[in-house]
Amino acid sequence: MKAIIATALISALALPAFAADDAKDGDKKPAKKRPTPEAVFKKKDTNADGFLSKDEFVAKMKDPEKAAKAFSKKDKDGDGKLSLEEFKPKPKKKKDAPAGDQKKKKGKKDKPADKDK
């Protein structure tokens, strides 16, 4: 009985080591890289004119109505087509400094300007 328990225990402890070796051998699929905005733009620009029409932009989208609204928002100059610059996502805004950084240090108050003494 002790031999069976010992064998089971050794097997249970050794199993994770074998699993880790298998993972190192390349069984895992490499992570998919997200395409660049330039690559997506080029793929969607089916007529290769350097712009995306509304039809090109909306094509193959899950929700055409939502895509049409997004197109209208991105088309800043209102010419009915998107340039690469209009197509690219806007950089995310940095959050304001934490509230603690904006507060004045305790005990140091602004002194009013001395009026005529």
PDB file of N, CA and C in Angstrom:
ATOM      1  N   MET A   1       0.831  -1.194   0.000  1.00  0.00           N
ATOM      2  CA  MET A   1       0.000   0.000   0.000  1.00  0.00           C
ATOM      3  C   MET A   1       0.873   1.254   0.000  1.00  0.00           C
ATOM      4  N   LYS A   2       1.943   1.228   0.809  1.00  0.00           N
ATOM      5  CA  LYS A   2       2.832   2.372   0.875  1.00  0.00           C
ATOM      6  C   LYS A   2       3.505   2.609  -0.477  1.00  0.00           C
ATOM      7  N   ALA A   3       3.806   1.523  -1.177  1.00  0.00           N
ATOM      8  CA  ALA A   3       4.459   1.638  -2.484  1.00  0.00           C
ATOM      9  C   ALA A   3       3.523   2.321  -3.496  1.00  0.00           C
ATOM     10  N   ILE A   4       2.250   2.015  -3.442  1.00  0.00           N
ATOM     11  CA  ILE A   4       1.276   2.615  -4.361  1.00  0.00           C
ATOM     12  C   ILE A   4       1.129   4.105  -4.080  1.00  0.00           C
ATOM     13  N   ILE A   5       1.058   4.474  -2.825  1.00  0.00           N
ATOM     14  CA  ILE A   5       0.935   5.885  -2.439  1.00  0.00           C
ATOM     15  C   ILE A   5       2.192   6.646  -2.839  1.00  0.00           C
ATOM     16  N   ALA A   6       3.351   6.042  -2.597  1.00  0.00           N
ATOM     17  CA  ALA A   6       4.610   6.692  -2.960  1.00  0.00           C
ATOM     18  C   ALA A   6       4.699   6.892  -4.467  1.00  0.00           C
ATOM     19  N   THR A   7       4.304   5.905  -5.238  1.00  0.00           N
ATOM     20  CA  THR A   7       4.337   6.007  -6.700  1.00  0.00           C
ATOM     21  C   THR A   7       3.375   7.097  -7.174  1.00  0.00           C
ATOM     22  N   ALA A   8       2.197   7.140  -6.610  1.00  0.00           N
ATOM     23  CA  ALA A   8       1.215   8.160  -6.988  1.00  0.00           C
ATOM     24  C   ALA A   8       1.724   9.555  -6.650  1.00  0.00           C
ATOM     25  N   LEU A   9       2.341   9.703  -5.493  1.00  0.00           N
ATOM     26  CA  LEU A   9       2.869  10.988  -5.066  1.00  0.00           C
ATOM     27  C   LEU A   9       4.000  11.454  -5.976  1.00  0.00           C
ATOM     28  N   ILE A  10       4.904  10.550  -6.307  1.00  0.00           N
ATOM     29  CA  ILE A  10       6.020  10.903  -7.197  1.00  0.00           C
ATOM     30  C   ILE A  10       5.488  11.281  -8.577  1.00  0.00           C
ATOM     31  N   SER A  11       4.507  10.540  -9.076  1.00  0.00           N
ATOM     32  CA  SER A  11       3.910  10.843 -10.385  1.00  0.00           C
ATOM     33  C   SER A  11       3.248  12.212 -10.383  1.00  0.00           C
ATOM     34  N   ALA A  12       2.540  12.505  -9.310  1.00  0.00           N
ATOM     35  CA  ALA A  12       1.842  13.792  -9.218  1.00  0.00           C
ATOM     36  C   ALA A  12       2.831  14.953  -9.171  1.00  0.00           C
ATOM     37  N   LEU A  13       3.945  14.766  -8.496  1.00  0.00           N
ATOM     38  CA  LEU A  13       4.947  15.824  -8.409  1.00  0.00           C
ATOM     39  C   LEU A  13       5.722  15.983  -9.716  1.00  0.00           C
ATOM     40  N   ALA A  14       5.915  14.907 -10.451  1.00  0.00           N
ATOM     41  CA  ALA A  14       6.695  14.953 -11.690  1.00  0.00           C
ATOM     42  C   ALA A  14       5.871  15.463 -12.863  1.00  0.00           C
ATOM     43  N   LEU A  15       4.586  15.327 -12.823  1.00  0.00           N
ATOM     44  CA  LEU A  15       3.728  15.717 -13.950  1.00  0.00           C
ATOM     45  C   LEU A  15       3.893  17.177 -14.373  1.00  0.00           C
ATOM     46  N   PRO A  16       3.905  18.151 -13.451  1.00  0.00           N
ATOM     47  CA  PRO A  16       4.089  19.547 -13.879  1.00  0.00           C
ATOM     48  C   PRO A  16       5.426  19.784 -14.579  1.00  0.00           C
ATOM     49  N   ALA A  17       6.458  19.065 -14.199  1.00  0.00           N
ATOM     50  CA  ALA A  17       7.763  19.237 -14.841  1.00  0.00           C
ATOM     51  C   ALA A  17       7.708  18.793 -16.291  1.00  0.00           C
ATOM     52  N   PHE A  18       7.016  17.686 -16.572  1.00  0.00           N
ATOM     53  CA  PHE A  18       6.882  17.228 -17.954  1.00  0.00           C
ATOM     54  C   PHE A  18       6.016  18.186 -18.766  1.00  0.00           C
ATOM     55  N   ALA A  19       4.981  18.715 -18.165  1.00  0.00           N
ATOM     56  CA  ALA A  19       4.106  19.664 -18.857  1.00  0.00           C
ATOM     57  C   ALA A  19       4.869  20.927 -19.220  1.00  0.00           C
ATOM     58  N   ALA A  20       5.744  21.396 -18.328  1.00  0.00           N
ATOM     59  CA  ALA A  20       6.530  22.597 -18.601  1.00  0.00           C
ATOM     60  C   ALA A  20       7.492  22.356 -19.750  1.00  0.00           C
ATOM     61  N   ASP A  21       8.087  21.155 -19.829  1.00  0.00           N
ATOM     62  CA  ASP A  21       8.989  20.840 -20.933  1.00  0.00           C
ATOM     63  C   ASP A  21       8.249  20.839 -22.261  1.00  0.00           C
ATOM     64  N   ASP A  22       7.037  20.320 -22.286  1.00  0.00           N
ATOM     65  CA  ASP A  22       6.252  20.310 -23.522  1.00  0.00           C
ATOM     66  C   ASP A  22       5.954  21.716 -23.999  1.00  0.00           C
ATOM     67  N   ALA A  23       5.652  22.618 -23.068  1.00  0.00           N
ATOM     68  CA  ALA A  23       5.332  23.992 -23.437  1.00  0.00           C
ATOM     69  C   ALA A  23       6.548  24.689 -24.036  1.00  0.00           C
ATOM     70  N   LYS A  24       7.736  24.340 -23.530  1.00  0.00           N
ATOM     71  CA  LYS A  24       8.955  24.954 -24.049  1.00  0.00           C
ATOM     72  C   LYS A  24       9.272  24.480 -25.468  1.00  0.00           C
ATOM     73  N   ASP A  25       8.804  23.300 -25.828  1.00  0.00           N
ATOM     74  CA  ASP A  25       9.114  22.727 -27.130  1.00  0.00           C
ATOM     75  C   ASP A  25       8.360  23.398 -28.274  1.00  0.00           C
ATOM     76  N   GLY A  26       7.521  24.372 -27.979  1.00  0.00           N
ATOM     77  CA  GLY A  26       6.841  25.101 -29.041  1.00  0.00           C
ATOM     78  C   GLY A  26       5.439  24.608 -29.323  1.00  0.00           C
ATOM     79  N   ASP A  27       4.835  23.905 -28.380  1.00  0.00           N
ATOM     80  CA  ASP A  27       3.466  23.457 -28.581  1.00  0.00           C
ATOM     81  C   ASP A  27       2.493  24.623 -28.590  1.00  0.00           C
ATOM     82  N   LYS A  28       2.859  25.694 -27.915  1.00  0.00           N
ATOM     83  CA  LYS A  28       1.974  26.852 -27.863  1.00  0.00           C
ATOM     84  C   LYS A  28       2.070  27.624 -29.165  1.00  0.00           C
ATOM     85  N   LYS A  29       0.953  28.159 -29.579  1.00  0.00           N
ATOM     86  CA  LYS A  29       0.940  28.994 -30.780  1.00  0.00           C
ATOM     87  C   LYS A  29       1.516  30.359 -30.427  1.00  0.00           C
ATOM     88  N   PRO A  30       2.284  30.947 -31.318  1.00  0.00           N
ATOM     89  CA  PRO A  30       2.801  32.292 -31.027  1.00  0.00           C
ATOM     90  C   PRO A  30       1.652  33.293 -30.963  1.00  0.00           C
ATOM     91  N   ALA A  31       1.816  34.282 -30.119  1.00  0.00           N
ATOM     92  CA  ALA A  31       0.778  35.303 -29.957  1.00  0.00           C
ATOM     93  C   ALA A  31       0.605  36.063 -31.268  1.00  0.00           C
ATOM     94  N   LYS A  32      -0.651  36.318 -31.615  1.00  0.00           N
ATOM     95  CA  LYS A  32      -0.927  37.078 -32.841  1.00  0.00           C
ATOM     96  C   LYS A  32      -0.585  38.534 -32.609  1.00  0.00           C
ATOM     97  N   LYS A  33       0.112  39.097 -33.563  1.00  0.00           N
ATOM     98  CA  LYS A  33       0.413  40.518 -33.473  1.00  0.00           C
ATOM     99  C   LYS A  33      -0.739  41.290 -34.087  1.00  0.00           C
ATOM    100  N   ARG A  34      -1.063  42.388 -33.470  1.00  0.00           N
ATOM    101  CA  ARG A  34      -2.125  43.250 -33.973  1.00  0.00           C
ATOM    102  C   ARG A  34      -1.579  44.029 -35.164  1.00  0.00           C
ATOM    103  N   PRO A  35      -2.330  44.069 -36.273  1.00  0.00           N
ATOM    104  CA  PRO A  35      -1.832  44.800 -37.442  1.00  0.00           C
ATOM    105  C   PRO A  35      -1.754  46.300 -37.171  1.00  0.00           C
ATOM    106  N   THR A  36      -0.821  46.945 -37.827  1.00  0.00           N
ATOM    107  CA  THR A  36      -0.668  48.394 -37.662  1.00  0.00           C
ATOM    108  C   THR A  36      -1.821  49.102 -38.366  1.00  0.00           C
ATOM    109  N   PRO A  37      -2.125  50.335 -37.960  1.00  0.00           N
ATOM    110  CA  PRO A  37      -3.172  51.086 -38.658  1.00  0.00           C
ATOM    111  C   PRO A  37      -2.857  51.230 -40.148  1.00  0.00           C
ATOM    112  N   GLU A  38      -1.579  51.373 -40.477  1.00  0.00           N
ATOM    113  CA  GLU A  38      -1.190  51.513 -41.879  1.00  0.00           C
ATOM    114  C   GLU A  38      -1.529  50.253 -42.678  1.00  0.00           C
ATOM    115  N   ALA A  39      -1.292  49.070 -42.077  1.00  0.00           N
ATOM    116  CA  ALA A  39      -1.587  47.808 -42.751  1.00  0.00           C
ATOM    117  C   ALA A  39      -3.092  47.630 -42.949  1.00  0.00           C
ATOM    118  N   VAL A  40      -3.872  47.976 -41.937  1.00  0.00           N
ATOM    119  CA  VAL A  40      -5.325  47.869 -42.038  1.00  0.00           C
ATOM    120  C   VAL A  40      -5.837  48.830 -43.108  1.00  0.00           C
ATOM    121  N   PHE A  41      -5.318  50.051 -43.113  1.00  0.00           N
ATOM    122  CA  PHE A  41      -5.727  51.053 -44.095  1.00  0.00           C
ATOM    123  C   PHE A  41      -5.449  50.545 -45.513  1.00  0.00           C
ATOM    124  N   LYS A  42      -4.254  50.024 -45.712  1.00  0.00           N
ATOM    125  CA  LYS A  42      -3.857  49.543 -47.039  1.00  0.00           C
ATOM    126  C   LYS A  42      -4.752  48.396 -47.497  1.00  0.00           C
ATOM    127  N   LYS A  43      -5.110  47.504 -46.565  1.00  0.00           N
ATOM    128  CA  LYS A  43      -5.969  46.371 -46.900  1.00  0.00           C
ATOM    129  C   LYS A  43      -7.385  46.827 -47.259  1.00  0.00           C
ATOM    130  N   LYS A  44      -7.891  47.810 -46.515  1.00  0.00           N
ATOM    131  CA  LYS A  44      -9.252  48.308 -46.769  1.00  0.00           C
ATOM    132  C   LYS A  44      -9.328  49.179 -48.029  1.00  0.00           C
ATOM    133  N   ASP A  45      -8.219  49.800 -48.410  1.00  0.00           N
ATOM    134  CA  ASP A  45      -8.182  50.685 -49.579  1.00  0.00           C
ATOM    135  C   ASP A  45      -8.138  49.832 -50.849  1.00  0.00           C
ATOM    136  N   THR A  46      -9.293  49.282 -51.209  1.00  0.00           N
ATOM    137  CA  THR A  46      -9.343  48.310 -52.298  1.00  0.00           C
ATOM    138  C   THR A  46      -9.010  48.910 -53.669  1.00  0.00           C
ATOM    139  N   ASN A  47      -9.262  50.195 -53.873  1.00  0.00           N
ATOM    140  CA  ASN A  47      -8.934  50.802 -55.167  1.00  0.00           C
ATOM    141  C   ASN A  47      -7.568  51.488 -55.156  1.00  0.00           C
ATOM    142  N   ALA A  48      -6.861  51.401 -54.051  1.00  0.00           N
ATOM    143  CA  ALA A  48      -5.490  51.907 -53.904  1.00  0.00           C
ATOM    144  C   ALA A  48      -5.331  53.378 -54.293  1.00  0.00           C
ATOM    145  N   ASP A  49      -6.335  54.196 -53.938  1.00  0.00           N
ATOM    146  CA  ASP A  49      -6.234  55.632 -54.241  1.00  0.00           C
ATOM    147  C   ASP A  49      -5.634  56.427 -53.083  1.00  0.00           C
ATOM    148  N   GLY A  50      -5.314  55.740 -51.973  1.00  0.00           N
ATOM    149  CA  GLY A  50      -4.724  56.421 -50.829  1.00  0.00           C
ATOM    150  C   GLY A  50      -5.754  56.986 -49.872  1.00  0.00           C
ATOM    151  N   PHE A  51      -7.011  56.713 -50.107  1.00  0.00           N
ATOM    152  CA  PHE A  51      -8.101  57.169 -49.240  1.00  0.00           C
ATOM    153  C   PHE A  51      -9.081  56.027 -49.043  1.00  0.00           C
ATOM    154  N   LEU A  52      -9.846  56.090 -47.967  1.00  0.00           N
ATOM    155  CA  LEU A  52     -10.919  55.132 -47.747  1.00  0.00           C
ATOM    156  C   LEU A  52     -12.250  55.814 -47.965  1.00  0.00           C
ATOM    157  N   SER A  53     -13.022  55.278 -48.893  1.00  0.00           N
ATOM    158  CA  SER A  53     -14.384  55.773 -49.061  1.00  0.00           C
ATOM    159  C   SER A  53     -15.233  55.180 -47.934  1.00  0.00           C
ATOM    160  N   LYS A  54     -16.435  55.680 -47.805  1.00  0.00           N
ATOM    161  CA  LYS A  54     -17.325  55.165 -46.772  1.00  0.00           C
ATOM    162  C   LYS A  54     -17.597  53.683 -47.021  1.00  0.00           C
ATOM    163  N   ASP A  55     -17.789  53.301 -48.283  1.00  0.00           N
ATOM    164  CA  ASP A  55     -18.045  51.903 -48.616  1.00  0.00           C
ATOM    165  C   ASP A  55     -16.860  51.015 -48.247  1.00  0.00           C
ATOM    166  N   GLU A  56     -15.648  51.480 -48.534  1.00  0.00           N
ATOM    167  CA  GLU A  56     -14.451  50.704 -48.186  1.00  0.00           C
ATOM    168  C   GLU A  56     -14.322  50.570 -46.669  1.00  0.00           C
ATOM    169  N   PHE A  57     -14.612  51.636 -45.956  1.00  0.00           N
ATOM    170  CA  PHE A  57     -14.485  51.644 -44.499  1.00  0.00           C
ATOM    171  C   PHE A  57     -15.494  50.704 -43.854  1.00  0.00           C
ATOM    172  N   VAL A  58     -16.726  50.722 -44.337  1.00  0.00           N
ATOM    173  CA  VAL A  58     -17.822  49.959 -43.739  1.00  0.00           C
ATOM    174  C   VAL A  58     -17.779  48.482 -44.143  1.00  0.00           C
ATOM    175  N   ALA A  59     -17.125  48.175 -45.268  1.00  0.00           N
ATOM    176  CA  ALA A  59     -17.103  46.801 -45.773  1.00  0.00           C
ATOM    177  C   ALA A  59     -16.568  45.828 -44.729  1.00  0.00           C
ATOM    178  N   LYS A  60     -17.254  44.705 -44.597  1.00  0.00           N
ATOM    179  CA  LYS A  60     -16.885  43.609 -43.700  1.00  0.00           C
ATOM    180  C   LYS A  60     -16.927  43.976 -42.219  1.00  0.00           C
ATOM    181  N   MET A  61     -17.627  45.035 -41.873  1.00  0.00           N
ATOM    182  CA  MET A  61     -17.786  45.400 -40.464  1.00  0.00           C
ATOM    183  C   MET A  61     -18.993  44.661 -39.899  1.00  0.00           C
ATOM    184  N   LYS A  62     -18.933  44.333 -38.617  1.00  0.00           N
ATOM    185  CA  LYS A  62     -20.031  43.610 -37.970  1.00  0.00           C
ATOM    186  C   LYS A  62     -21.291  44.447 -37.894  1.00  0.00           C
ATOM    187  N   ASP A  63     -21.132  45.727 -37.596  1.00  0.00           N
ATOM    188  CA  ASP A  63     -22.279  46.624 -37.439  1.00  0.00           C
ATOM    189  C   ASP A  63     -22.120  47.808 -38.398  1.00  0.00           C
ATOM    190  N   PRO A  64     -22.694  47.705 -39.596  1.00  0.00           N
ATOM    191  CA  PRO A  64     -22.521  48.765 -40.597  1.00  0.00           C
ATOM    192  C   PRO A  64     -22.993  50.148 -40.137  1.00  0.00           C
ATOM    193  N   GLU A  65     -24.061  50.202 -39.351  1.00  0.00           N
ATOM    194  CA  GLU A  65     -24.555  51.501 -38.877  1.00  0.00           C
ATOM    195  C   GLU A  65     -23.543  52.160 -37.943  1.00  0.00           C
ATOM    196  N   LYS A  66     -23.004  51.373 -37.046  1.00  0.00           N
ATOM    197  CA  LYS A  66     -22.002  51.888 -36.107  1.00  0.00           C
ATOM    198  C   LYS A  66     -20.741  52.307 -36.866  1.00  0.00           C
ATOM    199  N   ALA A  67     -20.368  51.527 -37.878  1.00  0.00           N
ATOM    200  CA  ALA A  67     -19.190  51.847 -38.682  1.00  0.00           C
ATOM    201  C   ALA A  67     -19.405  53.147 -39.461  1.00  0.00           C
ATOM    202  N   ALA A  68     -20.619  53.357 -39.959  1.00  0.00           N
ATOM    203  CA  ALA A  68     -20.925  54.586 -40.700  1.00  0.00           C
ATOM    204  C   ALA A  68     -20.818  55.808 -39.788  1.00  0.00           C
ATOM    205  N   LYS A  69     -21.275  55.676 -38.559  1.00  0.00           N
ATOM    206  CA  LYS A  69     -21.149  56.775 -37.598  1.00  0.00           C
ATOM    207  C   LYS A  69     -19.687  57.048 -37.278  1.00  0.00           C
ATOM    208  N   ALA A  70     -18.908  55.973 -37.116  1.00  0.00           N
ATOM    209  CA  ALA A  70     -17.479  56.136 -36.839  1.00  0.00           C
ATOM    210  C   ALA A  70     -16.788  56.821 -38.014  1.00  0.00           C
ATOM    211  N   PHE A  71     -17.192  56.465 -39.228  1.00  0.00           N
ATOM    212  CA  PHE A  71     -16.616  57.095 -40.421  1.00  0.00           C
ATOM    213  C   PHE A  71     -16.881  58.598 -40.390  1.00  0.00           C
ATOM    214  N   SER A  72     -18.105  58.970 -40.101  1.00  0.00           N
ATOM    215  CA  SER A  72     -18.469  60.393 -40.066  1.00  0.00           C
ATOM    216  C   SER A  72     -17.662  61.155 -39.012  1.00  0.00           C
ATOM    217  N   LYS A  73     -17.425  60.529 -37.875  1.00  0.00           N
ATOM    218  CA  LYS A  73     -16.623  61.174 -36.824  1.00  0.00           C
ATOM    219  C   LYS A  73     -15.178  61.355 -37.259  1.00  0.00           C
ATOM    220  N   LYS A  74     -14.640  60.352 -37.936  1.00  0.00           N
ATOM    221  CA  LYS A  74     -13.238  60.396 -38.346  1.00  0.00           C
ATOM    222  C   LYS A  74     -13.009  61.348 -39.518  1.00  0.00           C
ATOM    223  N   ASP A  75     -14.021  61.539 -40.353  1.00  0.00           N
ATOM    224  CA  ASP A  75     -13.884  62.391 -41.539  1.00  0.00           C
ATOM    225  C   ASP A  75     -13.923  63.854 -41.117  1.00  0.00           C
ATOM    226  N   LYS A  76     -12.807  64.336 -40.601  1.00  0.00           N
ATOM    227  CA  LYS A  76     -12.734  65.682 -40.020  1.00  0.00           C
ATOM    228  C   LYS A  76     -12.975  66.785 -41.046  1.00  0.00           C
ATOM    229  N   ASP A  77     -12.484  66.601 -42.276  1.00  0.00           N
ATOM    230  CA  ASP A  77     -12.651  67.671 -43.264  1.00  0.00           C
ATOM    231  C   ASP A  77     -13.938  67.535 -44.076  1.00  0.00           C
ATOM    232  N   GLY A  78     -14.710  66.468 -43.826  1.00  0.00           N
ATOM    233  CA  GLY A  78     -16.012  66.322 -44.456  1.00  0.00           C
ATOM    234  C   GLY A  78     -15.983  66.069 -45.953  1.00  0.00           C
ATOM    235  N   ASP A  79     -14.881  65.544 -46.474  1.00  0.00           N
ATOM    236  CA  ASP A  79     -14.791  65.320 -47.921  1.00  0.00           C
ATOM    237  C   ASP A  79     -15.330  63.957 -48.353  1.00  0.00           C
ATOM    238  N   GLY A  80     -15.841  63.165 -47.419  1.00  0.00           N
ATOM    239  CA  GLY A  80     -16.434  61.880 -47.766  1.00  0.00           C
ATOM    240  C   GLY A  80     -15.423  60.758 -47.926  1.00  0.00           C
ATOM    241  N   LYS A  81     -14.189  61.011 -47.548  1.00  0.00           N
ATOM    242  CA  LYS A  81     -13.164  59.972 -47.603  1.00  0.00           C
ATOM    243  C   LYS A  81     -12.183  60.195 -46.468  1.00  0.00           C
ATOM    244  N   LEU A  82     -11.517  59.115 -46.061  1.00  0.00           N
ATOM    245  CA  LEU A  82     -10.567  59.200 -44.958  1.00  0.00           C
ATOM    246  C   LEU A  82      -9.147  59.094 -45.477  1.00  0.00           C
ATOM    247  N   SER A  83      -8.319  60.026 -45.042  1.00  0.00           N
ATOM    248  CA  SER A  83      -6.887  59.909 -45.288  1.00  0.00           C
ATOM    249  C   SER A  83      -6.315  58.980 -44.222  1.00  0.00           C
ATOM    250  N   LEU A  84      -5.080  58.586 -44.387  1.00  0.00           N
ATOM    251  CA  LEU A  84      -4.444  57.746 -43.372  1.00  0.00           C
ATOM    252  C   LEU A  84      -4.418  58.449 -42.022  1.00  0.00           C
ATOM    253  N   GLU A  85      -4.145  59.749 -42.028  1.00  0.00           N
ATOM    254  CA  GLU A  85      -4.095  60.506 -40.768  1.00  0.00           C
ATOM    255  C   GLU A  85      -5.457  60.536 -40.082  1.00  0.00           C
ATOM    256  N   GLU A  86      -6.530  60.673 -40.857  1.00  0.00           N
ATOM    257  CA  GLU A  86      -7.871  60.665 -40.261  1.00  0.00           C
ATOM    258  C   GLU A  86      -8.215  59.267 -39.754  1.00  0.00           C
ATOM    259  N   PHE A  87      -7.720  58.243 -40.437  1.00  0.00           N
ATOM    260  CA  PHE A  87      -8.031  56.859 -40.093  1.00  0.00           C
ATOM    261  C   PHE A  87      -7.334  56.405 -38.817  1.00  0.00           C
ATOM    262  N   LYS A  88      -6.094  56.867 -38.612  1.00  0.00           N
ATOM    263  CA  LYS A  88      -5.313  56.430 -37.454  1.00  0.00           C
ATOM    264  C   LYS A  88      -6.025  56.795 -36.155  1.00  0.00           C
ATOM    265  N   PRO A  89      -5.911  55.921 -35.141  1.00  0.00           N
ATOM    266  CA  PRO A  89      -6.521  56.259 -33.850  1.00  0.00           C
ATOM    267  C   PRO A  89      -5.816  57.447 -33.219  1.00  0.00           C
ATOM    268  N   LYS A  90      -6.578  58.235 -32.527  1.00  0.00           N
ATOM    269  CA  LYS A  90      -6.023  59.396 -31.830  1.00  0.00           C
ATOM    270  C   LYS A  90      -5.242  58.917 -30.620  1.00  0.00           C
ATOM    271  N   PRO A  91      -4.138  59.582 -30.292  1.00  0.00           N
ATOM    272  CA  PRO A  91      -3.407  59.196 -29.084  1.00  0.00           C
ATOM    273  C   PRO A  91      -4.279  59.409 -27.856  1.00  0.00           C
ATOM    274  N   LYS A  92      -4.125  58.503 -26.909  1.00  0.00           N
ATOM    275  CA  LYS A  92      -4.915  58.621 -25.681  1.00  0.00           C
ATOM    276  C   LYS A  92      -4.396  59.788 -24.871  1.00  0.00           C
ATOM    277  N   LYS A  93      -5.340  60.525 -24.277  1.00  0.00           N
ATOM    278  CA  LYS A  93      -4.972  61.672 -23.451  1.00  0.00           C
ATOM    279  C   LYS A  93      -4.411  61.172 -22.134  1.00  0.00           C
ATOM    280  N   LYS A  94      -3.399  61.867 -21.665  1.00  0.00           N
ATOM    281  CA  LYS A  94      -2.851  61.529 -20.353  1.00  0.00           C
ATOM    282  C   LYS A  94      -3.808  62.035 -19.295  1.00  0.00           C
ATOM    283  N   LYS A  95      -3.920  61.264 -18.259  1.00  0.00           N
ATOM    284  CA  LYS A  95      -4.783  61.684 -17.157  1.00  0.00           C
ATOM    285  C   LYS A  95      -4.119  62.836 -16.432  1.00  0.00           C
ATOM    286  N   ASP A  96      -4.946  63.687 -15.850  1.00  0.00           N
ATOM    287  CA  ASP A  96      -4.415  64.809 -15.073  1.00  0.00           C
ATOM    288  C   ASP A  96      -3.601  64.278 -13.906  1.00  0.00           C
ATOM    289  N   ALA A  97      -2.752  65.116 -13.388  1.00  0.00           N
ATOM    290  CA  ALA A  97      -1.942  64.745 -12.235  1.00  0.00           C
ATOM    291  C   ALA A  97      -2.865  64.372 -11.086  1.00  0.00           C
ATOM    292  N   PRO A  98      -2.435  63.439 -10.244  1.00  0.00           N
ATOM    293  CA  PRO A  98      -3.269  63.052  -9.105  1.00  0.00           C
ATOM    294  C   PRO A  98      -3.617  64.259  -8.240  1.00  0.00           C
ATOM    295  N   ALA A  99      -4.764  64.200  -7.603  1.00  0.00           N
ATOM    296  CA  ALA A  99      -5.264  65.326  -6.821  1.00  0.00           C
ATOM    297  C   ALA A  99      -4.272  65.750  -5.747  1.00  0.00           C
ATOM    298  N   GLY A 100      -3.543  64.811  -5.197  1.00  0.00           N
ATOM    299  CA  GLY A 100      -2.591  65.132  -4.134  1.00  0.00           C
ATOM    300  C   GLY A 100      -1.478  66.045  -4.616  1.00  0.00           C
ATOM    301  N   ASP A 101      -1.106  65.937  -5.890  1.00  0.00           N
ATOM    302  CA  ASP A 101      -0.038  66.769  -6.427  1.00  0.00           C
ATOM    303  C   ASP A 101      -0.482  68.212  -6.630  1.00  0.00           C
ATOM    304  N   GLN A 102      -1.769  68.406  -6.793  1.00  0.00           N
ATOM    305  CA  GLN A 102      -2.267  69.742  -7.071  1.00  0.00           C
ATOM    306  C   GLN A 102      -2.530  70.532  -5.789  1.00  0.00           C
ATOM    307  N   LYS A 103      -2.690  69.830  -4.677  1.00  0.00           N
ATOM    308  CA  LYS A 103      -2.990  70.516  -3.424  1.00  0.00           C
ATOM    309  C   LYS A 103      -1.735  71.184  -2.891  1.00  0.00           C
ATOM    310  N   LYS A 104      -1.938  72.261  -2.196  1.00  0.00           N
ATOM    311  CA  LYS A 104      -0.812  72.953  -1.581  1.00  0.00           C
ATOM    312  C   LYS A 104      -0.420  72.212  -0.327  1.00  0.00           C
ATOM    313  N   LYS A 105       0.831  72.306   0.007  1.00  0.00           N
ATOM    314  CA  LYS A 105       1.296  71.644   1.213  1.00  0.00           C
ATOM    315  C   LYS A 105       0.687  72.313   2.430  1.00  0.00           C
ATOM    316  N   LYS A 106       0.381  71.481   3.414  1.00  0.00           N
ATOM    317  CA  LYS A 106      -0.231  72.012   4.631  1.00  0.00           C
ATOM    318  C   LYS A 106       0.728  72.941   5.337  1.00  0.00           C
ATOM    319  N   GLY A 107       0.185  73.962   5.905  1.00  0.00           N
ATOM    320  CA  GLY A 107       0.980  74.894   6.691  1.00  0.00           C
ATOM    321  C   GLY A 107       1.571  76.019   5.861  1.00  0.00           C
ATOM    322  N   LYS A 108       1.536  75.920   4.575  1.00  0.00           N
ATOM    323  CA  LYS A 108       2.081  76.982   3.727  1.00  0.00           C
ATOM    324  C   LYS A 108       0.931  77.627   2.973  1.00  0.00           C
ATOM    325  N   LYS A 109       0.486  78.717   3.470  1.00  0.00           N
ATOM    326  CA  LYS A 109      -0.612  79.424   2.829  1.00  0.00           C
ATOM    327  C   LYS A 109      -0.057  80.622   2.091  1.00  0.00           C
ATOM    328  N   ASP A 110      -0.753  80.980   1.044  1.00  0.00           N
ATOM    329  CA  ASP A 110      -0.348  82.187   0.333  1.00  0.00           C
ATOM    330  C   ASP A 110      -0.607  83.389   1.232  1.00  0.00           C
ATOM    331  N   LYS A 111       0.373  84.226   1.334  1.00  0.00           N
ATOM    332  CA  LYS A 111       0.206  85.420   2.157  1.00  0.00           C
ATOM    333  C   LYS A 111      -0.302  86.541   1.246  1.00  0.00           C
ATOM    334  N   PRO A 112      -1.283  87.275   1.735  1.00  0.00           N
ATOM    335  CA  PRO A 112      -1.755  88.400   0.919  1.00  0.00           C
ATOM    336  C   PRO A 112      -0.656  89.445   0.806  1.00  0.00           C
ATOM    337  N   ALA A 113      -0.664  90.138  -0.278  1.00  0.00           N
ATOM    338  CA  ALA A 113       0.344  91.197  -0.481  1.00  0.00           C
ATOM    339  C   ALA A 113       0.184  92.238   0.607  1.00  0.00           C
ATOM    340  N   ASP A 114       1.309  92.659   1.154  1.00  0.00           N
ATOM    341  CA  ASP A 114       1.255  93.677   2.196  1.00  0.00           C
ATOM    342  C   ASP A 114       0.774  94.977   1.603  1.00  0.00           C
ATOM    343  N   LYS A 115      -0.245  95.502   2.247  1.00  0.00           N
ATOM    344  CA  LYS A 115      -0.738  96.804   1.805  1.00  0.00           C
ATOM    345  C   LYS A 115       0.068  97.859   2.507  1.00  0.00           C
ATOM    346  N   ASP A 116      -0.133  99.059   2.200  1.00  0.00           N
ATOM    347  CA  ASP A 116       0.627 100.156   2.809  1.00  0.00           C
ATOM    348  C   ASP A 116       0.692  99.990   4.310  1.00  0.00           C
ATOM    349  N   LYS A 117       1.902 100.002   4.840  1.00  0.00           N
ATOM    350  CA  LYS A 117       2.092  99.856   6.286  1.00  0.00           C
ATOM    351  C   LYS A 117       2.014 101.147   6.973  1.00  0.00           C
TER     352      LYS A 117
END
